[in-house]
Amino acid sequence: MADLHIVRHHTLGLVHAREVAFKWAENAEQEFGMRCTYEEGKTADEVTFARSGVQGTLSVTQDRFELQAKLGFLVGAFKARIESEITQNLDELLTPKPKPRAHAKPHASKKP
């Protein structure tokens, strides 16, 4: 069995971190066929995920994401690729999106 351990620090606070974790869980279900269970707590949340050959948790706090997973023998052969995809996915979700700028309204000129 291979183990994965990924930690990402953030400054989102728990409310926004929950949103990111929920998106991560939805993505894991859609892209990888994971069964995810989301449990909210007062100071931390936990996403439990599993599928054939993989089981783990994503712990979410106001300033940290910590993913721990156990990969079965066959899936363990792809550990580096799986770790890379999870890391990329978490990093994308944690990267602040630029806010769209408000476009300046054109000045209407008065006709004489």
C-alpha atoms as a PDB file:
ATOM      1  CA  MET A   1       0.000   0.000   0.000  1.00  0.00           C
ATOM      2  CA  ALA A   2       1.149   3.516  -0.812  1.00  0.00           C
ATOM      3  CA  ASP A   3       0.268   6.519   1.304  1.00  0.00           C
ATOM      4  CA  LEU A   4      -0.425  10.081   0.218  1.00  0.00           C
ATOM      5  CA  HIS A   5      -0.069  13.054   2.531  1.00  0.00           C
ATOM      6  CA  ILE A   6      -0.654  16.538   1.120  1.00  0.00           C
ATOM      7  CA  VAL A   7      -0.891  19.729   3.169  1.00  0.00           C
ATOM      8  CA  ARG A   8      -1.880  23.156   1.861  1.00  0.00           C
ATOM      9  CA  HIS A   9      -2.045  26.272   4.015  1.00  0.00           C
ATOM     10  CA  HIS A  10      -4.488  29.045   3.140  1.00  0.00           C
ATOM     11  CA  THR A  11      -5.982  32.282   4.424  1.00  0.00           C
ATOM     12  CA  LEU A  12      -9.596  31.659   3.415  1.00  0.00           C
ATOM     13  CA  GLY A  13     -11.144  31.152   6.828  1.00  0.00           C
ATOM     14  CA  LEU A  14     -13.397  28.197   7.541  1.00  0.00           C
ATOM     15  CA  VAL A  15     -16.478  29.438   5.662  1.00  0.00           C
ATOM     16  CA  HIS A  16     -14.675  29.865   2.325  1.00  0.00           C
ATOM     17  CA  ALA A  17     -12.504  26.800   2.925  1.00  0.00           C
ATOM     18  CA  ARG A  18     -15.726  24.777   3.208  1.00  0.00           C
ATOM     19  CA  GLU A  19     -16.785  26.014  -0.211  1.00  0.00           C
ATOM     20  CA  VAL A  20     -13.446  24.934  -1.689  1.00  0.00           C
ATOM     21  CA  ALA A  21     -13.593  21.542   0.039  1.00  0.00           C
ATOM     22  CA  PHE A  22     -17.123  20.963  -1.207  1.00  0.00           C
ATOM     23  CA  LYS A  23     -16.012  21.787  -4.780  1.00  0.00           C
ATOM     24  CA  TRP A  24     -13.072  19.416  -4.350  1.00  0.00           C
ATOM     25  CA  ALA A  25     -15.426  16.633  -3.216  1.00  0.00           C
ATOM     26  CA  GLU A  26     -17.779  17.228  -6.149  1.00  0.00           C
ATOM     27  CA  ASN A  27     -14.832  17.117  -8.532  1.00  0.00           C
ATOM     28  CA  ALA A  28     -13.509  13.888  -6.961  1.00  0.00           C
ATOM     29  CA  GLU A  29     -16.936  12.286  -7.402  1.00  0.00           C
ATOM     30  CA  GLN A  30     -17.350  13.404 -11.013  1.00  0.00           C
ATOM     31  CA  GLU A  31     -13.810  12.895 -12.315  1.00  0.00           C
ATOM     32  CA  PHE A  32     -12.619   9.915 -10.297  1.00  0.00           C
ATOM     33  CA  GLY A  33     -15.786   8.090  -9.271  1.00  0.00           C
ATOM     34  CA  MET A  34     -15.134   8.644  -5.565  1.00  0.00           C
ATOM     35  CA  ARG A  35     -17.851   8.280  -2.951  1.00  0.00           C
ATOM     36  CA  CYS A  36     -17.493  11.357  -0.758  1.00  0.00           C
ATOM     37  CA  THR A  37     -19.066  12.152   2.570  1.00  0.00           C
ATOM     38  CA  TYR A  38     -18.819  15.687   3.933  1.00  0.00           C
ATOM     39  CA  GLU A  39     -19.043  16.283   7.675  1.00  0.00           C
ATOM     40  CA  GLU A  40     -19.065  19.812   9.093  1.00  0.00           C
ATOM     41  CA  GLY A  41     -17.668  20.563  12.526  1.00  0.00           C
ATOM     42  CA  LYS A  42     -17.336  23.708  14.622  1.00  0.00           C
ATOM     43  CA  THR A  43     -13.643  24.289  13.937  1.00  0.00           C
ATOM     44  CA  ALA A  44     -12.908  21.721  11.218  1.00  0.00           C
ATOM     45  CA  ASP A  45     -14.649  19.735   8.509  1.00  0.00           C
ATOM     46  CA  GLU A  46     -13.785  16.362   7.069  1.00  0.00           C
ATOM     47  CA  VAL A  47     -14.366  14.885   3.648  1.00  0.00           C
ATOM     48  CA  THR A  48     -14.127  11.112   3.615  1.00  0.00           C
ATOM     49  CA  PHE A  49     -13.605   9.621   0.168  1.00  0.00           C
ATOM     50  CA  ALA A  50     -13.312   6.106  -1.194  1.00  0.00           C
ATOM     51  CA  ARG A  51     -13.433   3.975  -4.286  1.00  0.00           C
ATOM     52  CA  SER A  52     -11.892   0.696  -5.259  1.00  0.00           C
ATOM     53  CA  GLY A  53      -8.216   0.871  -4.308  1.00  0.00           C
ATOM     54  CA  VAL A  54      -8.386   4.288  -2.630  1.00  0.00           C
ATOM     55  CA  GLN A  55      -9.611   5.561   0.722  1.00  0.00           C
ATOM     56  CA  GLY A  56      -8.818   8.707   2.614  1.00  0.00           C
ATOM     57  CA  THR A  57      -9.802  11.968   4.229  1.00  0.00           C
ATOM     58  CA  LEU A  58      -9.483  15.660   3.511  1.00  0.00           C
ATOM     59  CA  SER A  59      -9.431  17.668   6.746  1.00  0.00           C
ATOM     60  CA  VAL A  60     -10.339  21.335   6.432  1.00  0.00           C
ATOM     61  CA  THR A  61      -9.666  24.070   8.978  1.00  0.00           C
ATOM     62  CA  GLN A  62      -9.708  27.852   8.814  1.00  0.00           C
ATOM     63  CA  ASP A  63      -6.082  27.869   7.624  1.00  0.00           C
ATOM     64  CA  ARG A  64      -5.190  24.384   6.357  1.00  0.00           C
ATOM     65  CA  PHE A  65      -6.171  21.522   4.073  1.00  0.00           C
ATOM     66  CA  GLU A  66      -4.702  18.123   4.893  1.00  0.00           C
ATOM     67  CA  LEU A  67      -5.301  15.139   2.652  1.00  0.00           C
ATOM     68  CA  GLN A  68      -4.363  11.641   3.731  1.00  0.00           C
ATOM     69  CA  ALA A  69      -5.053   8.637   1.562  1.00  0.00           C
ATOM     70  CA  LYS A  70      -4.151   4.990   1.301  1.00  0.00           C
ATOM     71  CA  LEU A  71      -3.739   3.574  -2.175  1.00  0.00           C
ATOM     72  CA  GLY A  72      -4.181  -0.117  -2.854  1.00  0.00           C
ATOM     73  CA  PHE A  73      -1.496  -2.177  -4.554  1.00  0.00           C
ATOM     74  CA  LEU A  74      -2.644  -1.630  -8.138  1.00  0.00           C
ATOM     75  CA  VAL A  75      -3.533   2.042  -7.705  1.00  0.00           C
ATOM     76  CA  GLY A  76      -0.301   2.595  -5.777  1.00  0.00           C
ATOM     77  CA  ALA A  77       1.626   2.111  -9.010  1.00  0.00           C
ATOM     78  CA  PHE A  78       0.177   5.465 -10.106  1.00  0.00           C
ATOM     79  CA  LYS A  79       0.963   7.293  -6.846  1.00  0.00           C
ATOM     80  CA  ALA A  80       3.066  10.050  -8.436  1.00  0.00           C
ATOM     81  CA  ARG A  81       0.422  10.857 -11.044  1.00  0.00           C
ATOM     82  CA  ILE A  82      -2.436  10.769  -8.528  1.00  0.00           C
ATOM     83  CA  GLU A  83      -0.507  12.968  -6.091  1.00  0.00           C
ATOM     84  CA  SER A  84       0.279  15.421  -8.887  1.00  0.00           C
ATOM     85  CA  GLU A  85      -3.360  15.654  -9.995  1.00  0.00           C
ATOM     86  CA  ILE A  86      -4.664  16.108  -6.447  1.00  0.00           C
ATOM     87  CA  THR A  87      -2.045  18.768  -5.733  1.00  0.00           C
ATOM     88  CA  GLN A  88      -2.839  20.606  -8.962  1.00  0.00           C
ATOM     89  CA  ASN A  89      -6.566  20.434  -8.276  1.00  0.00           C
ATOM     90  CA  LEU A  90      -6.212  21.755  -4.714  1.00  0.00           C
ATOM     91  CA  ASP A  91      -3.835  24.503  -5.824  1.00  0.00           C
ATOM     92  CA  GLU A  92      -6.252  25.621  -8.542  1.00  0.00           C
ATOM     93  CA  LEU A  93      -9.132  25.714  -6.083  1.00  0.00           C
ATOM     94  CA  LEU A  94      -7.057  27.651  -3.537  1.00  0.00           C
ATOM     95  CA  THR A  95      -5.691  30.214  -5.989  1.00  0.00           C
ATOM     96  CA  PRO A  96      -7.665  33.444  -5.675  1.00  0.00           C
ATOM     97  CA  LYS A  97      -9.540  34.297  -8.829  1.00  0.00           C
ATOM     98  CA  PRO A  98      -9.067  37.874 -10.050  1.00  0.00           C
ATOM     99  CA  LYS A  99     -12.185  39.924  -9.609  1.00  0.00           C
ATOM    100  CA  PRO A 100     -13.592  41.267 -12.853  1.00  0.00           C
ATOM    101  CA  ARG A 101     -13.069  44.970 -13.225  1.00  0.00           C
ATOM    102  CA  ALA A 102     -16.068  47.185 -13.619  1.00  0.00           C
ATOM    103  CA  HIS A 103     -15.968  48.751 -17.024  1.00  0.00           C
ATOM    104  CA  ALA A 104     -16.138  52.494 -17.089  1.00  0.00           C
ATOM    105  CA  LYS A 105     -19.313  53.754 -18.609  1.00  0.00           C
ATOM    106  CA  PRO A 106     -18.802  55.838 -21.708  1.00  0.00           C
ATOM    107  CA  HIS A 107     -19.571  59.473 -21.171  1.00  0.00           C
ATOM    108  CA  ALA A 108     -22.580  60.508 -23.136  1.00  0.00           C
ATOM    109  CA  SER A 109     -22.051  63.740 -24.914  1.00  0.00           C
ATOM    110  CA  LYS A 110     -24.886  66.171 -25.110  1.00  0.00           C
ATOM    111  CA  LYS A 111     -25.995  67.281 -28.502  1.00  0.00           C
ATOM    112  CA  PRO A 112     -26.644  70.975 -28.873  1.00  0.00           C
END
